[in-house]
N, C-alpha and C. Protein backbone atom coordinates (compact mmCIF):
# COMPACT_ATOMS: atom_id res chain seq x y z
N MET A 1 -4.61 -9.15 17.48
CA MET A 1 -4.67 -8.10 16.83
C MET A 1 -3.95 -8.38 15.32
N THR A 2 -4.62 -8.05 14.08
CA THR A 2 -3.97 -7.88 12.75
C THR A 2 -3.24 -7.34 12.45
N SER A 3 -1.52 -8.20 12.48
CA SER A 3 -0.75 -7.03 12.37
C SER A 3 -0.41 -7.19 10.32
N VAL A 4 0.07 -5.74 10.43
CA VAL A 4 0.48 -4.68 8.66
C VAL A 4 0.80 -5.61 7.29
N PRO A 5 -0.25 -6.37 7.48
CA PRO A 5 0.04 -7.12 5.93
C PRO A 5 0.69 -6.52 5.44
N GLU A 6 2.63 -7.56 4.58
CA GLU A 6 2.91 -7.75 3.69
C GLU A 6 2.56 -8.12 2.19
N THR A 7 3.64 -7.46 1.20
CA THR A 7 3.69 -7.95 -0.08
C THR A 7 3.69 -9.61 0.09
N ILE A 8 3.44 -10.04 -1.08
CA ILE A 8 3.79 -11.37 -0.98
C ILE A 8 4.54 -11.61 -2.57
N PRO A 9 5.97 -11.65 -3.21
CA PRO A 9 6.72 -11.73 -4.78
C PRO A 9 5.69 -12.32 -5.21
N GLY A 10 5.09 -11.98 -5.99
CA GLY A 10 4.32 -12.97 -8.02
C GLY A 10 3.31 -12.84 -6.46
N MET A 11 2.96 -12.43 -5.89
CA MET A 11 1.43 -12.38 -5.92
C MET A 11 -0.17 -12.06 -7.16
N ASN A 12 -1.09 -12.59 -6.74
CA ASN A 12 -2.17 -12.58 -7.28
C ASN A 12 -3.20 -11.86 -7.37
N ARG A 13 -4.55 -11.92 -8.03
CA ARG A 13 -5.61 -10.92 -7.57
C ARG A 13 -6.36 -11.13 -5.93
N LEU A 14 -5.88 -12.73 -6.15
CA LEU A 14 -6.74 -13.68 -5.20
C LEU A 14 -5.67 -12.99 -3.27
N ASP A 15 -4.45 -12.88 -3.64
CA ASP A 15 -3.76 -12.57 -2.70
C ASP A 15 -3.60 -10.42 -2.42
N LEU A 16 -3.70 -9.87 -3.21
CA LEU A 16 -3.87 -8.24 -3.07
C LEU A 16 -5.58 -8.50 -2.23
N ALA A 17 -6.37 -8.97 -2.75
CA ALA A 17 -7.85 -9.06 -1.69
C ALA A 17 -7.62 -9.92 -0.78
N ASP A 18 -7.04 -10.62 -0.25
CA ASP A 18 -6.51 -11.26 1.04
C ASP A 18 -5.96 -9.69 1.77
N LEU A 19 -5.17 -9.71 1.29
CA LEU A 19 -4.11 -8.37 1.55
C LEU A 19 -4.73 -6.79 1.93
N ILE A 20 -6.17 -6.39 1.37
CA ILE A 20 -7.14 -5.64 1.23
C ILE A 20 -7.47 -6.28 2.80
N ASP A 21 -8.32 -7.06 2.43
CA ASP A 21 -8.67 -7.72 4.06
C ASP A 21 -8.43 -7.79 5.42
N GLN A 22 -7.23 -7.32 5.49
CA GLN A 22 -6.22 -7.42 6.20
C GLN A 22 -6.28 -6.13 6.52
N LEU A 23 -5.48 -4.85 5.78
CA LEU A 23 -5.53 -3.83 5.55
C LEU A 23 -6.64 -3.17 6.50
N ARG A 24 -8.20 -4.17 6.36
CA ARG A 24 -9.68 -3.48 6.56
C ARG A 24 -9.14 -3.68 8.22
N ASP A 25 -9.08 -5.29 8.52
CA ASP A 25 -9.10 -5.14 9.32
C ASP A 25 -7.90 -4.53 10.66
N ASN A 26 -6.29 -4.55 10.10
CA ASN A 26 -5.89 -3.76 10.61
C ASN A 26 -6.63 -2.87 11.20
N LEU A 27 -6.76 -1.48 10.58
CA LEU A 27 -7.66 -0.51 10.50
C LEU A 27 -8.42 -0.47 11.72
N LYS A 28 -9.56 -1.46 11.79
CA LYS A 28 -10.61 -1.37 12.41
C LYS A 28 -9.47 -1.55 13.76
N GLU A 29 -9.19 -2.13 14.53
CA GLU A 29 -8.62 -2.53 15.08
C GLU A 29 -7.45 -1.84 15.85
N ASP A 30 -6.69 -1.70 15.03
CA ASP A 30 -5.30 -0.16 15.36
C ASP A 30 -5.18 0.89 14.96
N PRO A 31 -6.56 1.72 14.42
CA PRO A 31 -6.42 2.82 13.92
C PRO A 31 -5.49 3.48 14.23
N GLU A 32 -5.04 4.07 15.83
CA GLU A 32 -3.36 4.49 15.55
C GLU A 32 -2.56 4.26 15.47
N SER A 33 -1.92 3.16 14.24
CA SER A 33 -0.74 2.31 14.00
C SER A 33 -1.15 3.12 12.50
N TRP A 34 -2.73 4.00 11.66
CA TRP A 34 -2.56 4.45 10.86
C TRP A 34 -1.71 6.14 10.87
N GLU A 35 -1.51 6.71 9.38
CA GLU A 35 -0.77 8.22 9.55
C GLU A 35 -2.40 8.42 8.66
N ASN A 36 -3.28 7.62 8.01
CA ASN A 36 -4.22 8.63 7.41
C ASN A 36 -5.75 7.24 7.25
N PRO A 37 -6.13 7.47 8.66
CA PRO A 37 -7.58 6.58 8.81
C PRO A 37 -8.63 7.04 8.12
N ASP A 38 -8.57 8.11 7.30
CA ASP A 38 -10.10 8.13 7.10
C ASP A 38 -9.59 7.81 5.47
N LEU A 39 -10.90 8.08 4.75
CA LEU A 39 -11.04 7.62 3.22
C LEU A 39 -10.12 9.00 2.57
N ASP A 40 -10.16 10.43 3.11
CA ASP A 40 -10.26 11.66 2.62
C ASP A 40 -8.48 11.13 2.57
N ARG A 41 -7.67 11.48 3.62
CA ARG A 41 -6.97 11.36 3.78
C ARG A 41 -5.82 10.05 3.34
N PHE A 42 -6.31 9.12 3.38
CA PHE A 42 -5.83 7.58 2.99
C PHE A 42 -5.47 8.51 1.01
N LEU A 43 -6.38 8.56 0.61
CA LEU A 43 -6.40 8.68 -1.02
C LEU A 43 -5.41 10.31 -1.44
N GLU A 44 -5.66 10.73 -0.84
CA GLU A 44 -5.07 11.92 -0.77
C GLU A 44 -3.18 11.49 -0.80
N SER A 45 -2.79 10.68 0.59
CA SER A 45 -1.48 9.47 -0.10
C SER A 45 -1.28 8.74 -0.29
N LEU A 46 -2.10 8.19 -0.81
CA LEU A 46 -1.91 7.16 -2.58
C LEU A 46 -1.97 7.89 -3.99
N SER A 47 -2.57 9.26 -3.66
CA SER A 47 -2.49 9.69 -4.64
C SER A 47 -1.09 10.63 -4.83
N ALA A 48 -0.21 11.27 -3.77
CA ALA A 48 1.25 11.40 -3.60
C ALA A 48 2.37 10.25 -3.71
N TRP A 49 1.26 9.25 -3.61
CA TRP A 49 2.75 8.65 -2.97
C TRP A 49 3.20 8.01 -4.86
N THR A 50 1.85 7.84 -5.91
CA THR A 50 1.92 7.31 -6.48
C THR A 50 2.35 8.26 -7.46
N ARG A 51 2.70 9.45 -6.79
CA ARG A 51 3.16 10.66 -7.98
C ARG A 51 5.15 10.41 -7.70
N ASP A 52 4.77 10.19 -6.58
CA ASP A 52 6.24 10.23 -6.10
C ASP A 52 6.93 9.14 -6.11
N MET A 53 6.40 7.83 -6.75
CA MET A 53 6.83 5.75 -6.66
C MET A 53 8.04 6.25 -7.80
N ASP A 54 8.38 6.77 -8.23
CA ASP A 54 10.03 7.03 -8.98
C ASP A 54 10.65 6.85 -7.96
N GLY A 55 10.90 8.24 -6.96
CA GLY A 55 11.47 8.08 -6.25
C GLY A 55 11.75 6.38 -5.15
N VAL A 56 11.10 6.22 -5.56
CA VAL A 56 10.91 4.98 -4.47
C VAL A 56 11.66 3.71 -5.53
N PHE A 57 11.36 3.89 -6.65
CA PHE A 57 11.78 2.84 -7.47
C PHE A 57 13.66 2.85 -7.65
N LEU A 58 13.56 4.09 -7.69
CA LEU A 58 14.65 4.78 -8.25
C LEU A 58 16.50 4.02 -6.53
N ASN A 59 15.25 4.40 -5.39
CA ASN A 59 16.40 4.12 -4.10
C ASN A 59 15.97 2.80 -4.22
N ARG A 60 15.39 1.67 -4.87
CA ARG A 60 15.44 0.51 -4.79
C ARG A 60 16.36 0.47 -5.69
N GLY A 61 16.70 0.73 -6.83
CA GLY A 61 17.67 0.22 -7.63
C GLY A 61 17.34 -0.42 -9.09
N GLU A 62 15.75 0.10 -9.04
CA GLU A 62 14.56 -0.78 -9.93
C GLU A 62 14.14 0.15 -10.88
N PRO A 63 13.14 -0.19 -11.65
CA PRO A 63 12.80 0.77 -13.20
C PRO A 63 11.89 1.17 -12.87
N LEU A 64 11.56 1.80 -13.07
CA LEU A 64 9.44 1.82 -12.89
C LEU A 64 8.90 1.08 -13.48
N PRO A 65 8.21 0.80 -12.95
CA PRO A 65 7.16 -0.30 -13.75
C PRO A 65 6.14 0.81 -14.80
N GLU A 66 6.68 -0.66 -16.35
CA GLU A 66 5.64 0.61 -16.95
C GLU A 66 3.72 0.27 -17.24
N VAL A 67 3.32 -1.20 -16.37
CA VAL A 67 2.37 -1.83 -16.28
C VAL A 67 2.13 -2.73 -14.66
N PRO A 68 1.53 -1.97 -13.79
CA PRO A 68 1.66 -2.11 -13.18
C PRO A 68 1.33 -3.12 -12.39
N SER A 69 1.90 -4.20 -11.48
CA SER A 69 1.90 -5.53 -11.25
C SER A 69 0.34 -6.12 -10.04
N TRP A 70 0.19 -6.92 -9.66
CA TRP A 70 -0.82 -7.03 -8.15
C TRP A 70 -0.22 -6.41 -7.07
N GLU A 71 1.60 -6.86 -6.77
CA GLU A 71 2.71 -6.68 -5.77
C GLU A 71 2.37 -5.29 -5.46
N LEU A 72 2.71 -4.48 -7.12
CA LEU A 72 2.68 -2.47 -6.95
C LEU A 72 1.66 -2.55 -6.68
N ILE A 73 0.57 -2.72 -6.91
CA ILE A 73 -1.13 -1.98 -5.83
C ILE A 73 -0.99 -2.31 -4.78
N ALA A 74 -0.54 -3.04 -4.08
CA ALA A 74 -0.40 -3.68 -2.65
C ALA A 74 0.71 -2.78 -1.82
N ASP A 75 1.60 -2.65 -2.70
CA ASP A 75 2.72 -1.85 -2.60
C ASP A 75 1.73 -0.47 -1.95
N MET A 76 1.74 0.07 -3.13
CA MET A 76 0.56 1.61 -2.92
C MET A 76 -0.39 1.52 -1.92
N LEU A 77 -0.93 0.38 -1.03
CA LEU A 77 -1.99 1.00 -0.85
C LEU A 77 -1.22 0.07 1.16
N LEU A 78 -0.29 -0.14 0.90
CA LEU A 78 0.42 0.00 2.52
C LEU A 78 1.17 1.27 2.57
N ALA A 79 1.45 1.53 1.09
CA ALA A 79 2.26 3.19 1.54
C ALA A 79 1.26 4.05 1.71
N ALA A 80 -0.01 3.93 1.22
CA ALA A 80 -0.65 5.05 1.85
C ALA A 80 -1.51 5.37 3.35
N ARG A 81 -1.33 3.76 4.21
CA ARG A 81 -1.99 4.11 5.23
C ARG A 81 -0.77 4.68 5.92
N ILE A 82 0.84 5.22 5.40
CA ILE A 82 1.47 5.64 6.21
C ILE A 82 2.16 7.51 5.96
N TYR A 83 2.17 6.81 4.49
CA TYR A 83 3.38 8.39 3.91
C TYR A 83 2.43 9.34 3.90
N GLU A 84 3.13 10.28 4.07
CA GLU A 84 2.98 11.91 4.54
C GLU A 84 3.12 12.60 3.37
């Protein structure tokens, strides 16, 4: 079974593409582990997490990035998998 991928510090766009492939594989193999297994719910969750992410960064003690990195995009996709 494909495990849920994790972000890699300093990841590049190819690392992100690999992470997306791993997310797709994980969804196919273990849809029960996804809170948002269909596109509608996934996109709704992605939007909600994006709107709420200043709180995530505040809790981490980090500034909200002005420009998204590949790693931030990966974090957003991973969060949308389970964010309610």
